Amino acid sequence: QVQLVESGGGLVQPGGSLRLSCAASGIIISIYTMGWYRQAPGKQREFVASINSGGRTKTFANFVKGRFTISRDNAKNTVSLQMNSLKPEDTAVYYCHLRRTVVDAEWGQGTQVTVSS
């Protein structure tokens, strides 16, 4: 059974940093594009960042450009999201995403990120 398990969420003050990790099991992620999405209460789930299988092509949503970065370690079967200069608007549940195809994906259960003073 494929599982994506996020970790690293928590409470942080505005301007602070968090690093989220996604550990995959039941699947080898090295050939797949990976990404992160987030969903705040009352809002649609939205794209945050993605990274291609080789780790050389990264895409970011406009609202995180210059603040977040995405990386992967295929040897460890993990993908990470480094979040800096966090804002209260970043508060959301963050989900790990594996792109099998354009119409087929795997999702993690999510990890809560709360940015508040």
PDB file of N, CA and C in Angstrom:
ATOM      1  N   GLN A   1       0.838  -1.180   0.000  1.00  0.00           N
ATOM      2  CA  GLN A   1       0.000   0.000   0.000  1.00  0.00           C
ATOM      3  C   GLN A   1       0.884   1.245   0.000  1.00  0.00           C
ATOM      4  N   VAL A   2       0.584   2.162  -0.889  1.00  0.00           N
ATOM      5  CA  VAL A   2       1.339   3.401  -0.976  1.00  0.00           C
ATOM      6  C   VAL A   2       0.952   4.315   0.171  1.00  0.00           C
ATOM      7  N   GLN A   3       1.955   4.871   0.837  1.00  0.00           N
ATOM      8  CA  GLN A   3       1.716   5.843   1.887  1.00  0.00           C
ATOM      9  C   GLN A   3       2.698   6.997   1.754  1.00  0.00           C
ATOM     10  N   LEU A   4       2.185   8.201   1.915  1.00  0.00           N
ATOM     11  CA  LEU A   4       2.988   9.406   2.022  1.00  0.00           C
ATOM     12  C   LEU A   4       2.702   9.998   3.389  1.00  0.00           C
ATOM     13  N   VAL A   5       3.729  10.158   4.207  1.00  0.00           N
ATOM     14  CA  VAL A   5       3.563  10.611   5.580  1.00  0.00           C
ATOM     15  C   VAL A   5       4.329  11.905   5.776  1.00  0.00           C
ATOM     16  N   GLU A   6       3.591  12.971   6.059  1.00  0.00           N
ATOM     17  CA  GLU A   6       4.197  14.276   6.288  1.00  0.00           C
ATOM     18  C   GLU A   6       4.586  14.435   7.753  1.00  0.00           C
ATOM     19  N   SER A   7       5.609  15.238   7.987  1.00  0.00           N
ATOM     20  CA  SER A   7       6.019  15.580   9.335  1.00  0.00           C
ATOM     21  C   SER A   7       6.654  16.965   9.314  1.00  0.00           C
ATOM     22  N   GLY A   8       6.798  17.549  10.490  1.00  0.00           N
ATOM     23  CA  GLY A   8       7.479  18.828  10.621  1.00  0.00           C
ATOM     24  C   GLY A   8       6.577  20.019  10.836  1.00  0.00           C
ATOM     25  N   GLY A   9       5.279  19.821  10.772  1.00  0.00           N
ATOM     26  CA  GLY A   9       4.370  20.924  11.011  1.00  0.00           C
ATOM     27  C   GLY A   9       4.344  21.327  12.470  1.00  0.00           C
ATOM     28  N   GLY A  10       3.736  22.473  12.731  1.00  0.00           N
ATOM     29  CA  GLY A  10       3.643  22.959  14.089  1.00  0.00           C
ATOM     30  C   GLY A  10       3.300  24.420  14.132  1.00  0.00           C
ATOM     31  N   LEU A  11       3.503  25.015  15.295  1.00  0.00           N
ATOM     32  CA  LEU A  11       3.225  26.427  15.535  1.00  0.00           C
ATOM     33  C   LEU A  11       4.516  27.221  15.439  1.00  0.00           C
ATOM     34  N   VAL A  12       4.483  28.300  14.664  1.00  0.00           N
ATOM     35  CA  VAL A  12       5.651  29.153  14.493  1.00  0.00           C
ATOM     36  C   VAL A  12       5.199  30.607  14.438  1.00  0.00           C
ATOM     37  N   GLN A  13       6.054  31.513  14.892  1.00  0.00           N
ATOM     38  CA  GLN A  13       5.742  32.935  14.848  1.00  0.00           C
ATOM     39  C   GLN A  13       5.950  33.507  13.455  1.00  0.00           C
ATOM     40  N   PRO A  14       5.245  34.581  13.112  1.00  0.00           N
ATOM     41  CA  PRO A  14       5.495  35.233  11.829  1.00  0.00           C
ATOM     42  C   PRO A  14       6.971  35.569  11.653  1.00  0.00           C
ATOM     43  N   GLY A  15       7.473  35.327  10.454  1.00  0.00           N
ATOM     44  CA  GLY A  15       8.876  35.522  10.170  1.00  0.00           C
ATOM     45  C   GLY A  15       9.745  34.312  10.438  1.00  0.00           C
ATOM     46  N   GLY A  16       9.186  33.313  11.075  1.00  0.00           N
ATOM     47  CA  GLY A  16       9.935  32.115  11.397  1.00  0.00           C
ATOM     48  C   GLY A  16       9.997  31.126  10.252  1.00  0.00           C
ATOM     49  N   SER A  17      10.576  29.970  10.542  1.00  0.00           N
ATOM     50  CA  SER A  17      10.800  28.945   9.530  1.00  0.00           C
ATOM     51  C   SER A  17      10.352  27.582  10.021  1.00  0.00           C
ATOM     52  N   LEU A  18       9.961  26.753   9.085  1.00  0.00           N
ATOM     53  CA  LEU A  18       9.673  25.351   9.327  1.00  0.00           C
ATOM     54  C   LEU A  18      10.153  24.549   8.137  1.00  0.00           C
ATOM     55  N   ARG A  19      10.498  23.309   8.400  1.00  0.00           N
ATOM     56  CA  ARG A  19      10.863  22.385   7.336  1.00  0.00           C
ATOM     57  C   ARG A  19       9.925  21.185   7.407  1.00  0.00           C
ATOM     58  N   LEU A  20       9.171  20.974   6.351  1.00  0.00           N
ATOM     59  CA  LEU A  20       8.279  19.835   6.250  1.00  0.00           C
ATOM     60  C   LEU A  20       8.957  18.718   5.477  1.00  0.00           C
ATOM     61  N   SER A  21       8.688  17.493   5.891  1.00  0.00           N
ATOM     62  CA  SER A  21       9.219  16.334   5.197  1.00  0.00           C
ATOM     63  C   SER A  21       8.093  15.385   4.844  1.00  0.00           C
ATOM     64  N   CYS A  22       8.284  14.655   3.770  1.00  0.00           N
ATOM     65  CA  CYS A  22       7.337  13.654   3.311  1.00  0.00           C
ATOM     66  C   CYS A  22       8.103  12.372   3.062  1.00  0.00           C
ATOM     67  N   ALA A  23       7.757  11.335   3.801  1.00  0.00           N
ATOM     68  CA  ALA A  23       8.393  10.031   3.662  1.00  0.00           C
ATOM     69  C   ALA A  23       7.442   9.083   2.947  1.00  0.00           C
ATOM     70  N   ALA A  24       7.909   8.483   1.874  1.00  0.00           N
ATOM     71  CA  ALA A  24       7.089   7.585   1.077  1.00  0.00           C
ATOM     72  C   ALA A  24       7.411   6.137   1.396  1.00  0.00           C
ATOM     73  N   SER A  25       6.385   5.302   1.371  1.00  0.00           N
ATOM     74  CA  SER A  25       6.555   3.864   1.487  1.00  0.00           C
ATOM     75  C   SER A  25       5.607   3.188   0.513  1.00  0.00           C
ATOM     76  N   GLY A  26       5.953   1.983   0.115  1.00  0.00           N
ATOM     77  CA  GLY A  26       5.143   1.260  -0.853  1.00  0.00           C
ATOM     78  C   GLY A  26       5.307   1.739  -2.281  1.00  0.00           C
ATOM     79  N   ILE A  27       6.206   2.681  -2.488  1.00  0.00           N
ATOM     80  CA  ILE A  27       6.469   3.213  -3.815  1.00  0.00           C
ATOM     81  C   ILE A  27       7.842   3.862  -3.804  1.00  0.00           C
ATOM     82  N   ILE A  28       8.538   3.776  -4.909  1.00  0.00           N
ATOM     83  CA  ILE A  28       9.822   4.446  -5.082  1.00  0.00           C
ATOM     84  C   ILE A  28       9.547   5.747  -5.822  1.00  0.00           C
ATOM     85  N   ILE A  29       9.888   6.860  -5.202  1.00  0.00           N
ATOM     86  CA  ILE A  29       9.482   8.155  -5.740  1.00  0.00           C
ATOM     87  C   ILE A  29      10.399   8.688  -6.820  1.00  0.00           C
ATOM     88  N   SER A  30      11.512   8.026  -7.074  1.00  0.00           N
ATOM     89  CA  SER A  30      12.565   8.600  -7.910  1.00  0.00           C
ATOM     90  C   SER A  30      12.136   8.934  -9.331  1.00  0.00           C
ATOM     91  N   ILE A  31      11.118   8.290  -9.845  1.00  0.00           N
ATOM     92  CA  ILE A  31      10.684   8.536 -11.217  1.00  0.00           C
ATOM     93  C   ILE A  31       9.478   9.473 -11.308  1.00  0.00           C
ATOM     94  N   TYR A  32       9.044  10.018 -10.187  1.00  0.00           N
ATOM     95  CA  TYR A  32       7.829  10.821 -10.167  1.00  0.00           C
ATOM     96  C   TYR A  32       8.087  12.263  -9.800  1.00  0.00           C
ATOM     97  N   THR A  33       7.312  13.147 -10.416  1.00  0.00           N
ATOM     98  CA  THR A  33       7.225  14.513  -9.928  1.00  0.00           C
ATOM     99  C   THR A  33       6.531  14.510  -8.568  1.00  0.00           C
ATOM    100  N   MET A  34       7.086  15.263  -7.625  1.00  0.00           N
ATOM    101  CA  MET A  34       6.531  15.384  -6.287  1.00  0.00           C
ATOM    102  C   MET A  34       6.157  16.832  -6.026  1.00  0.00           C
ATOM    103  N   GLY A  35       5.251  17.028  -5.083  1.00  0.00           N
ATOM    104  CA  GLY A  35       4.859  18.389  -4.785  1.00  0.00           C
ATOM    105  C   GLY A  35       4.205  18.540  -3.434  1.00  0.00           C
ATOM    106  N   TRP A  36       3.887  19.785  -3.141  1.00  0.00           N
ATOM    107  CA  TRP A  36       3.181  20.153  -1.924  1.00  0.00           C
ATOM    108  C   TRP A  36       1.982  21.029  -2.273  1.00  0.00           C
ATOM    109  N   TYR A  37       0.882  20.757  -1.612  1.00  0.00           N
ATOM    110  CA  TYR A  37      -0.322  21.566  -1.684  1.00  0.00           C
ATOM    111  C   TYR A  37      -0.715  21.955  -0.271  1.00  0.00           C
ATOM    112  N   ARG A  38      -1.591  22.941  -0.164  1.00  0.00           N
ATOM    113  CA  ARG A  38      -2.068  23.317   1.158  1.00  0.00           C
ATOM    114  C   ARG A  38      -3.538  23.687   1.102  1.00  0.00           C
ATOM    115  N   GLN A  39      -4.188  23.599   2.237  1.00  0.00           N
ATOM    116  CA  GLN A  39      -5.598  23.945   2.337  1.00  0.00           C
ATOM    117  C   GLN A  39      -5.862  24.614   3.672  1.00  0.00           C
ATOM    118  N   ALA A  40      -6.353  25.830   3.616  1.00  0.00           N
ATOM    119  CA  ALA A  40      -6.751  26.574   4.799  1.00  0.00           C
ATOM    120  C   ALA A  40      -8.250  26.394   5.028  1.00  0.00           C
ATOM    121  N   PRO A  41      -8.714  26.578   6.258  1.00  0.00           N
ATOM    122  CA  PRO A  41     -10.145  26.427   6.532  1.00  0.00           C
ATOM    123  C   PRO A  41     -10.988  27.327   5.634  1.00  0.00           C
ATOM    124  N   GLY A  42     -12.018  26.751   5.029  1.00  0.00           N
ATOM    125  CA  GLY A  42     -12.913  27.508   4.174  1.00  0.00           C
ATOM    126  C   GLY A  42     -12.379  27.830   2.801  1.00  0.00           C
ATOM    127  N   LYS A  43     -11.214  27.316   2.452  1.00  0.00           N
ATOM    128  CA  LYS A  43     -10.615  27.608   1.160  1.00  0.00           C
ATOM    129  C   LYS A  43     -10.368  26.321   0.377  1.00  0.00           C
ATOM    130  N   GLN A  44     -10.177  26.486  -0.927  1.00  0.00           N
ATOM    131  CA  GLN A  44      -9.831  25.372  -1.789  1.00  0.00           C
ATOM    132  C   GLN A  44      -8.387  24.940  -1.543  1.00  0.00           C
ATOM    133  N   ARG A  45      -8.125  23.674  -1.805  1.00  0.00           N
ATOM    134  CA  ARG A  45      -6.745  23.224  -1.788  1.00  0.00           C
ATOM    135  C   ARG A  45      -5.982  23.900  -2.922  1.00  0.00           C
ATOM    136  N   GLU A  46      -4.763  24.372  -2.638  1.00  0.00           N
ATOM    137  CA  GLU A  46      -4.007  25.111  -3.623  1.00  0.00           C
ATOM    138  C   GLU A  46      -2.591  24.584  -3.747  1.00  0.00           C
ATOM    139  N   PHE A  47      -2.049  24.732  -4.933  1.00  0.00           N
ATOM    140  CA  PHE A  47      -0.698  24.304  -5.237  1.00  0.00           C
ATOM    141  C   PHE A  47       0.310  25.199  -4.542  1.00  0.00           C
ATOM    142  N   VAL A  48       1.370  24.583  -4.008  1.00  0.00           N
ATOM    143  CA  VAL A  48       2.450  25.323  -3.365  1.00  0.00           C
ATOM    144  C   VAL A  48       3.750  25.210  -4.150  1.00  0.00           C
ATOM    145  N   ALA A  49       4.187  23.981  -4.416  1.00  0.00           N
ATOM    146  CA  ALA A  49       5.473  23.775  -5.074  1.00  0.00           C
ATOM    147  C   ALA A  49       5.549  22.376  -5.643  1.00  0.00           C
ATOM    148  N   SER A  50       6.415  22.189  -6.635  1.00  0.00           N
ATOM    149  CA  SER A  50       6.658  20.870  -7.193  1.00  0.00           C
ATOM    150  C   SER A  50       8.117  20.742  -7.589  1.00  0.00           C
ATOM    151  N   ILE A  51       8.550  19.503  -7.761  1.00  0.00           N
ATOM    152  CA  ILE A  51       9.921  19.209  -8.145  1.00  0.00           C
ATOM    153  C   ILE A  51       9.900  17.976  -9.035  1.00  0.00           C
ATOM    154  N   ASN A  52      10.614  18.021 -10.140  1.00  0.00           N
ATOM    155  CA  ASN A  52      10.578  16.901 -11.064  1.00  0.00           C
ATOM    156  C   ASN A  52      11.430  15.744 -10.551  1.00  0.00           C
ATOM    157  N   SER A  53      11.398  14.645 -11.278  1.00  0.00           N
ATOM    158  CA  SER A  53      12.007  13.414 -10.779  1.00  0.00           C
ATOM    159  C   SER A  53      13.503  13.549 -10.528  1.00  0.00           C
ATOM    160  N   GLY A  54      14.189  14.300 -11.368  1.00  0.00           N
ATOM    161  CA  GLY A  54      15.622  14.486 -11.206  1.00  0.00           C
ATOM    162  C   GLY A  54      16.006  15.585 -10.239  1.00  0.00           C
ATOM    163  N   GLY A  55      15.038  16.376  -9.793  1.00  0.00           N
ATOM    164  CA  GLY A  55      15.301  17.429  -8.831  1.00  0.00           C
ATOM    165  C   GLY A  55      15.814  18.727  -9.421  1.00  0.00           C
ATOM    166  N   ARG A  56      15.875  18.830 -10.727  1.00  0.00           N
ATOM    167  CA  ARG A  56      16.448  20.015 -11.356  1.00  0.00           C
ATOM    168  C   ARG A  56      15.433  21.064 -11.761  1.00  0.00           C
ATOM    169  N   THR A  57      14.173  20.690 -11.860  1.00  0.00           N
ATOM    170  CA  THR A  57      13.133  21.626 -12.247  1.00  0.00           C
ATOM    171  C   THR A  57      12.167  21.806 -11.089  1.00  0.00           C
ATOM    172  N   LYS A  58      12.069  23.033 -10.609  1.00  0.00           N
ATOM    173  CA  LYS A  58      11.204  23.355  -9.481  1.00  0.00           C
ATOM    174  C   LYS A  58      10.213  24.438  -9.885  1.00  0.00           C
ATOM    175  N   THR A  59       9.002  24.300  -9.416  1.00  0.00           N
ATOM    176  CA  THR A  59       7.947  25.264  -9.699  1.00  0.00           C
ATOM    177  C   THR A  59       7.311  25.692  -8.386  1.00  0.00           C
ATOM    178  N   PHE A  60       7.011  26.984  -8.272  1.00  0.00           N
ATOM    179  CA  PHE A  60       6.441  27.528  -7.048  1.00  0.00           C
ATOM    180  C   PHE A  60       5.235  28.393  -7.352  1.00  0.00           C
ATOM    181  N   ALA A  61       4.278  28.347  -6.450  1.00  0.00           N
ATOM    182  CA  ALA A  61       3.187  29.297  -6.513  1.00  0.00           C
ATOM    183  C   ALA A  61       3.720  30.704  -6.264  1.00  0.00           C
ATOM    184  N   ASN A  62       3.066  31.695  -6.858  1.00  0.00           N
ATOM    185  CA  ASN A  62       3.547  33.066  -6.726  1.00  0.00           C
ATOM    186  C   ASN A  62       3.626  33.523  -5.273  1.00  0.00           C
ATOM    187  N   PHE A  63       2.715  33.066  -4.444  1.00  0.00           N
ATOM    188  CA  PHE A  63       2.661  33.564  -3.076  1.00  0.00           C
ATOM    189  C   PHE A  63       3.759  33.011  -2.180  1.00  0.00           C
ATOM    190  N   VAL A  64       4.569  32.058  -2.687  1.00  0.00           N
ATOM    191  CA  VAL A  64       5.682  31.539  -1.885  1.00  0.00           C
ATOM    192  C   VAL A  64       7.034  31.757  -2.537  1.00  0.00           C
ATOM    193  N   LYS A  65       7.073  32.311  -3.723  1.00  0.00           N
ATOM    194  CA  LYS A  65       8.347  32.531  -4.406  1.00  0.00           C
ATOM    195  C   LYS A  65       9.263  33.414  -3.565  1.00  0.00           C
ATOM    196  N   GLY A  66      10.503  32.972  -3.433  1.00  0.00           N
ATOM    197  CA  GLY A  66      11.475  33.699  -2.642  1.00  0.00           C
ATOM    198  C   GLY A  66      11.449  33.372  -1.171  1.00  0.00           C
ATOM    199  N   ARG A  67      10.456  32.623  -0.725  1.00  0.00           N
ATOM    200  CA  ARG A  67      10.345  32.267   0.690  1.00  0.00           C
ATOM    201  C   ARG A  67      10.465  30.767   0.932  1.00  0.00           C
ATOM    202  N   PHE A  68       9.906  29.973   0.032  1.00  0.00           N
ATOM    203  CA  PHE A  68       9.913  28.522   0.189  1.00  0.00           C
ATOM    204  C   PHE A  68      10.837  27.896  -0.840  1.00  0.00           C
ATOM    205  N   THR A  69      11.359  26.725  -0.520  1.00  0.00           N
ATOM    206  CA  THR A  69      12.046  25.931  -1.515  1.00  0.00           C
ATOM    207  C   THR A  69      11.712  24.465  -1.307  1.00  0.00           C
ATOM    208  N   ILE A  70      11.779  23.708  -2.382  1.00  0.00           N
ATOM    209  CA  ILE A  70      11.460  22.289  -2.353  1.00  0.00           C
ATOM    210  C   ILE A  70      12.700  21.502  -2.742  1.00  0.00           C
ATOM    211  N   SER A  71      12.872  20.348  -2.128  1.00  0.00           N
ATOM    212  CA  SER A  71      14.002  19.489  -2.439  1.00  0.00           C
ATOM    213  C   SER A  71      13.582  18.034  -2.300  1.00  0.00           C
ATOM    214  N   ARG A  72      14.415  17.152  -2.815  1.00  0.00           N
ATOM    215  CA  ARG A  72      14.123  15.728  -2.689  1.00  0.00           C
ATOM    216  C   ARG A  72      15.411  14.959  -2.468  1.00  0.00           C
ATOM    217  N   ASP A  73      15.273  13.828  -1.822  1.00  0.00           N
ATOM    218  CA  ASP A  73      16.378  12.905  -1.612  1.00  0.00           C
ATOM    219  C   ASP A  73      15.870  11.543  -2.045  1.00  0.00           C
ATOM    220  N   ASN A  74      16.135  11.207  -3.289  1.00  0.00           N
ATOM    221  CA  ASN A  74      15.605   9.952  -3.816  1.00  0.00           C
ATOM    222  C   ASN A  74      16.190   8.735  -3.113  1.00  0.00           C
ATOM    223  N   ALA A  75      17.429   8.841  -2.624  1.00  0.00           N
ATOM    224  CA  ALA A  75      18.029   7.735  -1.894  1.00  0.00           C
ATOM    225  C   ALA A  75      17.281   7.439  -0.606  1.00  0.00           C
ATOM    226  N   LYS A  76      16.718   8.479   0.014  1.00  0.00           N
ATOM    227  CA  LYS A  76      15.942   8.320   1.233  1.00  0.00           C
ATOM    228  C   LYS A  76      14.443   8.230   0.975  1.00  0.00           C
ATOM    229  N   ASN A  77      14.046   8.382  -0.281  1.00  0.00           N
ATOM    230  CA  ASN A  77      12.639   8.301  -0.658  1.00  0.00           C
ATOM    231  C   ASN A  77      11.816   9.384   0.039  1.00  0.00           C
ATOM    232  N   THR A  78      12.367  10.592   0.075  1.00  0.00           N
ATOM    233  CA  THR A  78      11.710  11.699   0.754  1.00  0.00           C
ATOM    234  C   THR A  78      11.720  12.959  -0.098  1.00  0.00           C
ATOM    235  N   VAL A  79      10.804  13.852   0.226  1.00  0.00           N
ATOM    236  CA  VAL A  79      10.764  15.189  -0.346  1.00  0.00           C
ATOM    237  C   VAL A  79      10.507  16.165   0.795  1.00  0.00           C
ATOM    238  N   SER A  80      11.092  17.360   0.698  1.00  0.00           N
ATOM    239  CA  SER A  80      11.000  18.332   1.771  1.00  0.00           C
ATOM    240  C   SER A  80      10.542  19.674   1.238  1.00  0.00           C
ATOM    241  N   LEU A  81       9.966  20.466   2.129  1.00  0.00           N
ATOM    242  CA  LEU A  81       9.582  21.840   1.841  1.00  0.00           C
ATOM    243  C   LEU A  81      10.157  22.720   2.940  1.00  0.00           C
ATOM    244  N   GLN A  82      11.122  23.551   2.581  1.00  0.00           N
ATOM    245  CA  GLN A  82      11.697  24.510   3.510  1.00  0.00           C
ATOM    246  C   GLN A  82      10.911  25.807   3.405  1.00  0.00           C
ATOM    247  N   MET A  83      10.331  26.240   4.508  1.00  0.00           N
ATOM    248  CA  MET A  83       9.480  27.418   4.534  1.00  0.00           C
ATOM    249  C   MET A  83      10.129  28.477   5.411  1.00  0.00           C
ATOM    250  N   ASN A  84      10.468  29.601   4.817  1.00  0.00           N
ATOM    251  CA  ASN A  84      11.070  30.720   5.521  1.00  0.00           C
ATOM    252  C   ASN A  84      10.157  31.935   5.448  1.00  0.00           C
ATOM    253  N   SER A  85      10.420  32.900   6.307  1.00  0.00           N
ATOM    254  CA  SER A  85       9.653  34.148   6.330  1.00  0.00           C
ATOM    255  C   SER A  85       8.157  33.879   6.345  1.00  0.00           C
ATOM    256  N   LEU A  86       7.749  33.006   7.220  1.00  0.00           N
ATOM    257  CA  LEU A  86       6.352  32.584   7.253  1.00  0.00           C
ATOM    258  C   LEU A  86       5.426  33.721   7.664  1.00  0.00           C
ATOM    259  N   LYS A  87       4.249  33.709   7.066  1.00  0.00           N
ATOM    260  CA  LYS A  87       3.215  34.702   7.310  1.00  0.00           C
ATOM    261  C   LYS A  87       1.980  34.018   7.877  1.00  0.00           C
ATOM    262  N   PRO A  88       1.137  34.762   8.598  1.00  0.00           N
ATOM    263  CA  PRO A  88      -0.111  34.161   9.080  1.00  0.00           C
ATOM    264  C   PRO A  88      -0.946  33.549   7.956  1.00  0.00           C
ATOM    265  N   GLU A  89      -0.885  34.122   6.760  1.00  0.00           N
ATOM    266  CA  GLU A  89      -1.630  33.599   5.622  1.00  0.00           C
ATOM    267  C   GLU A  89      -1.145  32.232   5.169  1.00  0.00           C
ATOM    268  N   ASP A  90       0.021  31.805   5.638  1.00  0.00           N
ATOM    269  CA  ASP A  90       0.529  30.477   5.309  1.00  0.00           C
ATOM    270  C   ASP A  90      -0.096  29.386   6.168  1.00  0.00           C
ATOM    271  N   THR A  91      -0.875  29.764   7.158  1.00  0.00           N
ATOM    272  CA  THR A  91      -1.523  28.786   8.022  1.00  0.00           C
ATOM    273  C   THR A  91      -2.445  27.892   7.205  1.00  0.00           C
ATOM    274  N   ALA A  92      -2.214  26.583   7.284  1.00  0.00           N
ATOM    275  CA  ALA A  92      -2.975  25.628   6.491  1.00  0.00           C
ATOM    276  C   ALA A  92      -2.511  24.227   6.843  1.00  0.00           C
ATOM    277  N   VAL A  93      -3.248  23.253   6.342  1.00  0.00           N
ATOM    278  CA  VAL A  93      -2.768  21.884   6.337  1.00  0.00           C
ATOM    279  C   VAL A  93      -1.996  21.681   5.045  1.00  0.00           C
ATOM    280  N   TYR A  94      -0.787  21.179   5.161  1.00  0.00           N
ATOM    281  CA  TYR A  94       0.083  20.981   4.013  1.00  0.00           C
ATOM    282  C   TYR A  94       0.121  19.505   3.656  1.00  0.00           C
ATOM    283  N   TYR A  95      -0.072  19.223   2.369  1.00  0.00           N
ATOM    284  CA  TYR A  95      -0.184  17.857   1.875  1.00  0.00           C
ATOM    285  C   TYR A  95       0.929  17.525   0.897  1.00  0.00           C
ATOM    286  N   CYS A  96       1.505  16.370   1.056  1.00  0.00           N
ATOM    287  CA  CYS A  96       2.475  15.830   0.108  1.00  0.00           C
ATOM    288  C   CYS A  96       1.735  15.190  -1.060  1.00  0.00           C
ATOM    289  N   HIS A  97       2.271  15.358  -2.261  1.00  0.00           N
ATOM    290  CA  HIS A  97       1.623  14.916  -3.485  1.00  0.00           C
ATOM    291  C   HIS A  97       2.624  14.203  -4.384  1.00  0.00           C
ATOM    292  N   LEU A  98       2.212  13.060  -4.896  1.00  0.00           N
ATOM    293  CA  LEU A  98       2.999  12.314  -5.869  1.00  0.00           C
ATOM    294  C   LEU A  98       2.190  12.230  -7.154  1.00  0.00           C
ATOM    295  N   ARG A  99       2.791  12.681  -8.249  1.00  0.00           N
ATOM    296  CA  ARG A  99       2.105  12.716  -9.538  1.00  0.00           C
ATOM    297  C   ARG A  99       2.406  11.445 -10.325  1.00  0.00           C
ATOM    298  N   ARG A 100       1.500  10.493 -10.306  1.00  0.00           N
ATOM    299  CA  ARG A 100       1.651   9.307 -11.155  1.00  0.00           C
ATOM    300  C   ARG A 100       1.484   9.689 -12.618  1.00  0.00           C
ATOM    301  N   THR A 101       0.380  10.353 -12.915  1.00  0.00           N
ATOM    302  CA  THR A 101       0.087  10.901 -14.225  1.00  0.00           C
ATOM    303  C   THR A 101      -0.670  12.209 -13.995  1.00  0.00           C
ATOM    304  N   VAL A 102      -1.043  12.870 -15.086  1.00  0.00           N
ATOM    305  CA  VAL A 102      -1.792  14.103 -14.953  1.00  0.00           C
ATOM    306  C   VAL A 102      -3.154  13.874 -14.299  1.00  0.00           C
ATOM    307  N   VAL A 103      -3.660  12.649 -14.344  1.00  0.00           N
ATOM    308  CA  VAL A 103      -4.980  12.348 -13.788  1.00  0.00           C
ATOM    309  C   VAL A 103      -4.942  11.351 -12.633  1.00  0.00           C
ATOM    310  N   ASP A 104      -3.760  11.001 -12.159  1.00  0.00           N
ATOM    311  CA  ASP A 104      -3.649  10.003 -11.104  1.00  0.00           C
ATOM    312  C   ASP A 104      -2.552  10.429 -10.137  1.00  0.00           C
ATOM    313  N   ALA A 105      -2.866  10.442  -8.852  1.00  0.00           N
ATOM    314  CA  ALA A 105      -1.910  10.922  -7.866  1.00  0.00           C
ATOM    315  C   ALA A 105      -2.087  10.200  -6.543  1.00  0.00           C
ATOM    316  N   GLU A 106      -1.070  10.318  -5.704  1.00  0.00           N
ATOM    317  CA  GLU A 106      -1.110   9.853  -4.325  1.00  0.00           C
ATOM    318  C   GLU A 106      -0.991  11.058  -3.412  1.00  0.00           C
ATOM    319  N   TRP A 107      -1.683  11.000  -2.288  1.00  0.00           N
ATOM    320  CA  TRP A 107      -1.707  12.105  -1.334  1.00  0.00           C
ATOM    321  C   TRP A 107      -1.377  11.627   0.070  1.00  0.00           C
ATOM    322  N   GLY A 108      -0.689  12.479   0.818  1.00  0.00           N
ATOM    323  CA  GLY A 108      -0.509  12.234   2.230  1.00  0.00           C
ATOM    324  C   GLY A 108      -1.711  12.692   3.029  1.00  0.00           C
ATOM    325  N   GLN A 109      -1.656  12.463   4.341  1.00  0.00           N
ATOM    326  CA  GLN A 109      -2.753  12.850   5.224  1.00  0.00           C
ATOM    327  C   GLN A 109      -2.694  14.306   5.641  1.00  0.00           C
ATOM    328  N   GLY A 110      -1.550  14.936   5.489  1.00  0.00           N
ATOM    329  CA  GLY A 110      -1.405  16.338   5.795  1.00  0.00           C
ATOM    330  C   GLY A 110      -0.772  16.593   7.152  1.00  0.00           C
ATOM    331  N   THR A 111      -0.138  17.753   7.264  1.00  0.00           N
ATOM    332  CA  THR A 111       0.428  18.207   8.522  1.00  0.00           C
ATOM    333  C   THR A 111       0.062  19.673   8.723  1.00  0.00           C
ATOM    334  N   GLN A 112      -0.328  20.020   9.933  1.00  0.00           N
ATOM    335  CA  GLN A 112      -0.812  21.361  10.232  1.00  0.00           C
ATOM    336  C   GLN A 112       0.343  22.322  10.437  1.00  0.00           C
ATOM    337  N   VAL A 113       0.272  23.454   9.755  1.00  0.00           N
ATOM    338  CA  VAL A 113       1.196  24.561   9.956  1.00  0.00           C
ATOM    339  C   VAL A 113       0.386  25.761  10.424  1.00  0.00           C
ATOM    340  N   THR A 114       0.742  26.296  11.578  1.00  0.00           N
ATOM    341  CA  THR A 114       0.067  27.461  12.124  1.00  0.00           C
ATOM    342  C   THR A 114       1.083  28.560  12.358  1.00  0.00           C
ATOM    343  N   VAL A 115       0.852  29.713  11.748  1.00  0.00           N
ATOM    344  CA  VAL A 115       1.741  30.864  11.871  1.00  0.00           C
ATOM    345  C   VAL A 115       0.989  31.937  12.641  1.00  0.00           C
ATOM    346  N   SER A 116       1.417  32.187  13.853  1.00  0.00           N
ATOM    347  CA  SER A 116       0.698  33.108  14.723  1.00  0.00           C
ATOM    348  C   SER A 116       1.613  33.617  15.819  1.00  0.00           C
ATOM    349  N   SER A 117       1.376  34.846  16.238  1.00  0.00           N
ATOM    350  CA  SER A 117       2.095  35.411  17.363  1.00  0.00           C
ATOM    351  C   SER A 117       1.341  35.203  18.665  1.00  0.00           C
TER     352      SER A 117
END
